[in-house]
N, C-alpha and C. Protein backbone atom coordinates (compact mmCIF):
# COMPACT_ATOMS: atom_id res chain seq x y z
N MET A 1 -8.84 11.14 9.80
CA MET A 1 -7.53 11.63 9.15
C MET A 1 -6.84 10.72 8.58
N ASN A 2 -6.01 10.78 7.44
CA ASN A 2 -5.38 9.33 7.13
C ASN A 2 -4.13 9.57 7.31
N LEU A 3 -3.26 8.60 6.92
CA LEU A 3 -1.56 8.79 7.35
C LEU A 3 -0.60 9.97 6.94
N ASN A 4 -1.18 9.94 5.48
CA ASN A 4 -0.24 11.37 5.28
C ASN A 4 -0.66 12.78 5.86
N GLU A 5 -1.94 12.86 6.18
CA GLU A 5 -2.13 13.72 6.91
C GLU A 5 -1.97 13.93 8.37
N GLU A 6 -1.69 12.86 8.80
CA GLU A 6 -1.22 12.74 10.46
C GLU A 6 0.24 13.23 10.42
N CYS A 7 0.71 12.35 9.49
CA CYS A 7 2.60 12.72 9.41
C CYS A 7 2.86 14.44 9.18
N LEU A 8 1.93 15.00 7.85
CA LEU A 8 1.91 16.53 7.98
C LEU A 8 1.86 17.49 8.77
N LEU A 9 0.70 16.84 9.68
CA LEU A 9 0.44 17.90 10.97
C LEU A 9 1.68 17.46 12.11
N LYS A 10 2.14 15.97 11.84
CA LYS A 10 3.66 16.18 12.83
C LYS A 10 4.49 17.13 12.49
N TYR A 11 5.04 17.09 11.20
CA TYR A 11 5.57 17.74 10.72
C TYR A 11 5.87 18.80 10.93
N LEU A 12 4.57 19.75 10.83
CA LEU A 12 4.08 20.75 11.31
C LEU A 12 4.44 21.16 13.19
N LYS A 13 4.15 20.23 13.19
CA LYS A 13 4.51 20.46 14.92
C LYS A 13 5.63 20.49 15.49
N ASN A 14 6.25 19.56 15.10
CA ASN A 14 7.46 19.23 14.91
C ASN A 14 8.56 18.93 14.01
N SER A 15 9.36 19.76 13.19
CA SER A 15 9.71 19.01 12.63
C SER A 15 11.11 18.09 12.58
N ASP A 16 11.35 18.14 13.49
CA ASP A 16 12.55 16.82 13.63
C ASP A 16 12.30 15.53 13.82
N ASP A 17 10.80 15.22 13.82
CA ASP A 17 10.39 14.06 13.59
C ASP A 17 10.02 13.68 12.09
N ILE A 18 10.84 14.18 11.46
CA ILE A 18 10.28 14.27 9.85
C ILE A 18 11.24 12.88 9.24
N SER A 19 11.99 12.46 9.92
CA SER A 19 13.11 11.50 8.97
C SER A 19 11.96 10.20 9.84
N TYR A 20 11.38 10.25 10.77
CA TYR A 20 10.56 8.69 11.49
C TYR A 20 8.96 8.97 10.70
N CYS A 21 8.74 9.69 10.36
CA CYS A 21 7.28 10.23 9.71
C CYS A 21 7.37 9.73 8.19
N THR A 22 8.67 10.09 7.55
CA THR A 22 8.78 9.76 6.17
C THR A 22 9.22 8.34 5.93
N ASP A 23 9.93 7.43 6.75
CA ASP A 23 9.78 6.04 7.00
C ASP A 23 8.54 5.09 7.10
N VAL A 24 7.67 6.04 8.14
CA VAL A 24 6.21 5.63 8.12
C VAL A 24 5.56 5.88 6.50
N LEU A 25 5.84 6.67 5.93
CA LEU A 25 5.04 6.98 4.57
C LEU A 25 5.56 6.06 3.62
N LYS A 26 6.64 5.74 4.09
CA LYS A 26 7.65 4.52 3.00
C LYS A 26 6.70 3.22 3.04
N LEU A 27 6.94 2.90 4.39
CA LEU A 27 6.66 1.51 4.47
C LEU A 27 4.86 1.06 4.25
N ASN A 28 4.39 2.34 4.45
CA ASN A 28 2.83 2.23 4.38
C ASN A 28 2.80 2.45 2.37
N ASN A 29 3.23 2.98 2.16
CA ASN A 29 2.99 3.23 0.72
C ASN A 29 3.93 1.49 0.01
N GLN A 30 4.21 0.88 0.60
CA GLN A 30 5.10 -0.27 0.33
C GLN A 30 4.13 -1.27 0.57
N ILE A 31 3.49 -0.91 1.77
CA ILE A 31 2.48 -2.24 2.03
C ILE A 31 1.58 -2.32 1.13
N LEU A 32 0.83 -1.04 0.86
CA LEU A 32 -0.33 -0.73 -0.26
C LEU A 32 0.02 -1.08 -1.70
N GLU A 33 1.48 -0.87 -1.75
CA GLU A 33 1.44 -1.42 -3.46
C GLU A 33 1.61 -2.97 -3.55
N GLN A 34 2.27 -3.61 -2.19
CA GLN A 34 1.90 -4.91 -2.42
C GLN A 34 0.75 -5.49 -2.63
N LYS A 35 -0.26 -5.13 -1.52
CA LYS A 35 -1.62 -5.33 -1.50
C LYS A 35 -2.10 -5.24 -2.86
N PHE A 36 -1.83 -4.35 -4.09
CA PHE A 36 -2.60 -4.29 -4.96
C PHE A 36 -1.69 -4.58 -5.99
N LEU A 37 -0.92 -5.09 -5.85
CA LEU A 37 0.25 -6.25 -6.81
C LEU A 37 -0.47 -7.67 -6.47
N LEU A 38 -0.82 -7.79 -4.91
CA LEU A 38 -1.19 -9.31 -4.97
C LEU A 38 -2.85 -9.55 -5.42
N ARG A 39 -3.26 -8.14 -5.46
CA ARG A 39 -5.19 -8.59 -5.63
C ARG A 39 -4.88 -8.53 -7.28
N LYS A 40 -4.00 -8.03 -7.86
CA LYS A 40 -3.98 -7.80 -9.65
C LYS A 40 -3.63 -9.42 -9.64
N PHE A 41 -2.47 -10.07 -9.05
CA PHE A 41 -1.97 -11.25 -9.59
C PHE A 41 -3.07 -12.33 -9.46
N ASN A 42 -3.91 -12.28 -8.29
CA ASN A 42 -4.94 -13.00 -7.61
C ASN A 42 -5.78 -12.87 -9.30
N LYS A 43 -6.34 -11.93 -9.34
CA LYS A 43 -7.40 -11.61 -10.24
C LYS A 43 -6.87 -12.38 -11.91
N THR A 44 -5.89 -12.11 -12.23
CA THR A 44 -4.92 -12.80 -13.66
C THR A 44 -5.09 -14.13 -13.33
N ALA A 45 -4.78 -14.87 -12.08
CA ALA A 45 -4.47 -16.36 -12.17
C ALA A 45 -6.11 -16.79 -12.23
N ILE A 46 -6.85 -15.86 -11.72
CA ILE A 46 -8.52 -16.53 -11.44
C ILE A 46 -9.00 -16.69 -12.82
N ASN A 47 -8.58 -15.34 -13.84
CA ASN A 47 -9.22 -15.10 -14.94
C ASN A 47 -8.64 -16.34 -15.83
N MET A 48 -7.50 -16.91 -15.88
CA MET A 48 -6.72 -17.49 -16.60
C MET A 48 -6.96 -19.05 -16.46
N LYS A 49 -7.46 -19.26 -15.20
CA LYS A 49 -7.93 -20.63 -14.74
C LYS A 49 -9.31 -20.76 -15.68
N HIS A 50 -10.48 -19.82 -15.65
CA HIS A 50 -11.58 -20.04 -15.68
C HIS A 50 -11.47 -19.99 -17.44
N LYS A 51 -10.70 -19.10 -18.12
CA LYS A 51 -10.36 -19.33 -19.56
C LYS A 51 -10.44 -20.84 -20.02
N ASN A 52 -9.51 -21.27 -19.21
CA ASN A 52 -8.72 -22.48 -19.67
C ASN A 52 -9.91 -24.01 -19.37
N GLY A 53 -10.84 -23.54 -18.69
CA GLY A 53 -12.18 -24.18 -18.21
C GLY A 53 -11.87 -25.06 -16.97
N VAL A 54 -10.77 -24.70 -16.28
CA VAL A 54 -10.31 -25.06 -15.13
C VAL A 54 -10.91 -24.11 -14.07
N LEU A 55 -11.44 -24.79 -13.10
CA LEU A 55 -12.37 -23.91 -12.24
C LEU A 55 -11.33 -24.38 -10.93
N VAL A 56 -11.56 -23.28 -9.96
CA VAL A 56 -10.66 -22.65 -8.91
C VAL A 56 -11.03 -23.99 -7.71
């Protein structure tokens, strides 16, 4: 079960926890976005170094 499913299940069981669950989802999404951007940035930097003939 992933984080989204867990939060939905918690909400269905106890709707008072929705604000906490929403905050957890926002934080999780932010972390995933940052990881994605870092990977993309690293790949771009490596490709640029190889194009210029400079190896890492």
